């Protein structure tokens, strides 16, 4: 598991532990699991899909943004 924070300019959409994350990048999709290598990328419009620590699958429609993986934490900034 890893910590995921999804933020917009107005509010925090999600903060918690997740098992996996799949997001739309500019050149395709990117998948993140625990202990992923450090990464920073630009996100394209699309969907952000993740599975919480409790097994719940969630999906958020997104605008463009940024994704950063550092340590065992992912921060997603979206419009």
C-alpha atoms as a PDB file:
ATOM      1  CA  UNK A   1       0.000   0.000   0.000  1.00  0.00           C
ATOM      2  CA  UNK A   2       0.984   3.626  -0.404  1.00  0.00           C
ATOM      3  CA  UNK A   3      -0.374   7.035   0.543  1.00  0.00           C
ATOM      4  CA  UNK A   4      -2.338   8.913  -2.136  1.00  0.00           C
ATOM      5  CA  UNK A   5      -3.320  12.583  -2.074  1.00  0.00           C
ATOM      6  CA  UNK A   6      -5.508  13.977  -4.877  1.00  0.00           C
ATOM      7  CA  UNK A   7      -5.762  17.767  -4.851  1.00  0.00           C
ATOM      8  CA  UNK A   8      -7.522  20.434  -6.920  1.00  0.00           C
ATOM      9  CA  UNK A   9      -7.117  24.202  -6.529  1.00  0.00           C
ATOM     10  CA  UNK A  10     -10.380  24.219  -4.548  1.00  0.00           C
ATOM     11  CA  UNK A  11     -10.139  21.158  -2.294  1.00  0.00           C
ATOM     12  CA  UNK A  12      -8.654  17.806  -1.424  1.00  0.00           C
ATOM     13  CA  UNK A  13     -10.561  15.060  -3.272  1.00  0.00           C
ATOM     14  CA  UNK A  14      -8.924  12.087  -1.580  1.00  0.00           C
ATOM     15  CA  UNK A  15      -6.304  11.315   1.047  1.00  0.00           C
ATOM     16  CA  UNK A  16      -5.623   7.790   2.197  1.00  0.00           C
ATOM     17  CA  UNK A  17      -3.932   4.458   1.692  1.00  0.00           C
ATOM     18  CA  UNK A  18      -4.379   2.716  -1.656  1.00  0.00           C
ATOM     19  CA  UNK A  19      -3.216  -0.522  -3.254  1.00  0.00           C
ATOM     20  CA  UNK A  20      -2.954   0.675  -6.866  1.00  0.00           C
ATOM     21  CA  UNK A  21      -3.433   3.719  -9.076  1.00  0.00           C
ATOM     22  CA  UNK A  22      -3.919   4.058 -12.849  1.00  0.00           C
ATOM     23  CA  UNK A  23      -3.946   7.490 -14.462  1.00  0.00           C
ATOM     24  CA  UNK A  24      -4.047   9.052 -17.932  1.00  0.00           C
ATOM     25  CA  UNK A  25      -0.670  10.553 -18.821  1.00  0.00           C
ATOM     26  CA  UNK A  26      -0.018  12.613 -21.943  1.00  0.00           C
ATOM     27  CA  UNK A  27       1.363   9.614 -23.815  1.00  0.00           C
ATOM     28  CA  UNK A  28      -0.856   6.829 -22.447  1.00  0.00           C
ATOM     29  CA  UNK A  29      -1.716   5.371 -19.072  1.00  0.00           C
ATOM     30  CA  UNK A  30       0.561   4.987 -16.081  1.00  0.00           C
ATOM     31  CA  UNK A  31       0.151   2.449 -13.308  1.00  0.00           C
ATOM     32  CA  UNK A  32       1.521   2.880  -9.793  1.00  0.00           C
ATOM     33  CA  UNK A  33       1.996   0.226  -7.095  1.00  0.00           C
ATOM     34  CA  UNK A  34       3.677   0.408  -3.680  1.00  0.00           C
ATOM     35  CA  UNK A  35       7.396   1.248  -3.658  1.00  0.00           C
ATOM     36  CA  UNK A  36       7.300   2.654  -7.206  1.00  0.00           C
ATOM     37  CA  UNK A  37      10.458   4.399  -8.405  1.00  0.00           C
ATOM     38  CA  UNK A  38      10.512   8.203  -8.021  1.00  0.00           C
ATOM     39  CA  UNK A  39       8.605   9.842 -10.854  1.00  0.00           C
ATOM     40  CA  UNK A  40       7.136  13.177 -11.936  1.00  0.00           C
ATOM     41  CA  UNK A  41       4.872  13.385 -14.984  1.00  0.00           C
ATOM     42  CA  UNK A  42       2.256  15.556 -16.662  1.00  0.00           C
ATOM     43  CA  UNK A  43      -1.258  14.103 -16.746  1.00  0.00           C
ATOM     44  CA  UNK A  44      -3.702  14.439 -19.600  1.00  0.00           C
ATOM     45  CA  UNK A  45      -7.472  14.656 -19.408  1.00  0.00           C
ATOM     46  CA  UNK A  46      -8.992  11.326 -18.565  1.00  0.00           C
ATOM     47  CA  UNK A  47      -9.672   9.152 -15.560  1.00  0.00           C
ATOM     48  CA  UNK A  48      -7.867   8.395 -12.345  1.00  0.00           C
ATOM     49  CA  UNK A  49      -8.671   4.898 -11.057  1.00  0.00           C
ATOM     50  CA  UNK A  50      -7.514   3.534  -7.728  1.00  0.00           C
ATOM     51  CA  UNK A  51      -8.237   0.760  -5.258  1.00  0.00           C
ATOM     52  CA  UNK A  52      -8.363   1.728  -1.586  1.00  0.00           C
ATOM     53  CA  UNK A  53      -6.802  -0.284   1.238  1.00  0.00           C
ATOM     54  CA  UNK A  54     -10.334  -1.529   2.028  1.00  0.00           C
ATOM     55  CA  UNK A  55     -10.757  -2.975  -1.483  1.00  0.00           C
ATOM     56  CA  UNK A  56     -13.069  -0.254  -2.838  1.00  0.00           C
ATOM     57  CA  UNK A  57     -12.497   0.689  -6.501  1.00  0.00           C
ATOM     58  CA  UNK A  58     -12.882   4.406  -7.202  1.00  0.00           C
ATOM     59  CA  UNK A  59     -12.709   6.517 -10.331  1.00  0.00           C
ATOM     60  CA  UNK A  60     -12.362  10.279 -10.743  1.00  0.00           C
ATOM     61  CA  UNK A  61     -12.699  12.144 -14.052  1.00  0.00           C
ATOM     62  CA  UNK A  62      -9.787  14.563 -14.340  1.00  0.00           C
ATOM     63  CA  UNK A  63      -8.529  17.509 -16.274  1.00  0.00           C
ATOM     64  CA  UNK A  64      -4.849  18.043 -16.910  1.00  0.00           C
ATOM     65  CA  UNK A  65      -2.445  18.004 -14.010  1.00  0.00           C
ATOM     66  CA  UNK A  66       0.700  16.580 -12.469  1.00  0.00           C
ATOM     67  CA  UNK A  67       1.590  13.375 -10.667  1.00  0.00           C
ATOM     68  CA  UNK A  68       4.592  12.913  -8.367  1.00  0.00           C
ATOM     69  CA  UNK A  69       5.826   9.695  -6.766  1.00  0.00           C
ATOM     70  CA  UNK A  70       8.304  10.083  -3.925  1.00  0.00           C
ATOM     71  CA  UNK A  71       9.040   7.504  -1.279  1.00  0.00           C
ATOM     72  CA  UNK A  72       5.851   5.534  -0.778  1.00  0.00           C
ATOM     73  CA  UNK A  73       3.585   8.526  -1.478  1.00  0.00           C
ATOM     74  CA  UNK A  74       1.825   9.811  -4.603  1.00  0.00           C
ATOM     75  CA  UNK A  75       0.564  13.371  -4.949  1.00  0.00           C
ATOM     76  CA  UNK A  76      -1.783  14.200  -7.822  1.00  0.00           C
ATOM     77  CA  UNK A  77      -2.577  17.843  -8.649  1.00  0.00           C
ATOM     78  CA  UNK A  78      -5.460  18.223 -11.109  1.00  0.00           C
ATOM     79  CA  UNK A  79      -7.740  20.887 -12.569  1.00  0.00           C
END
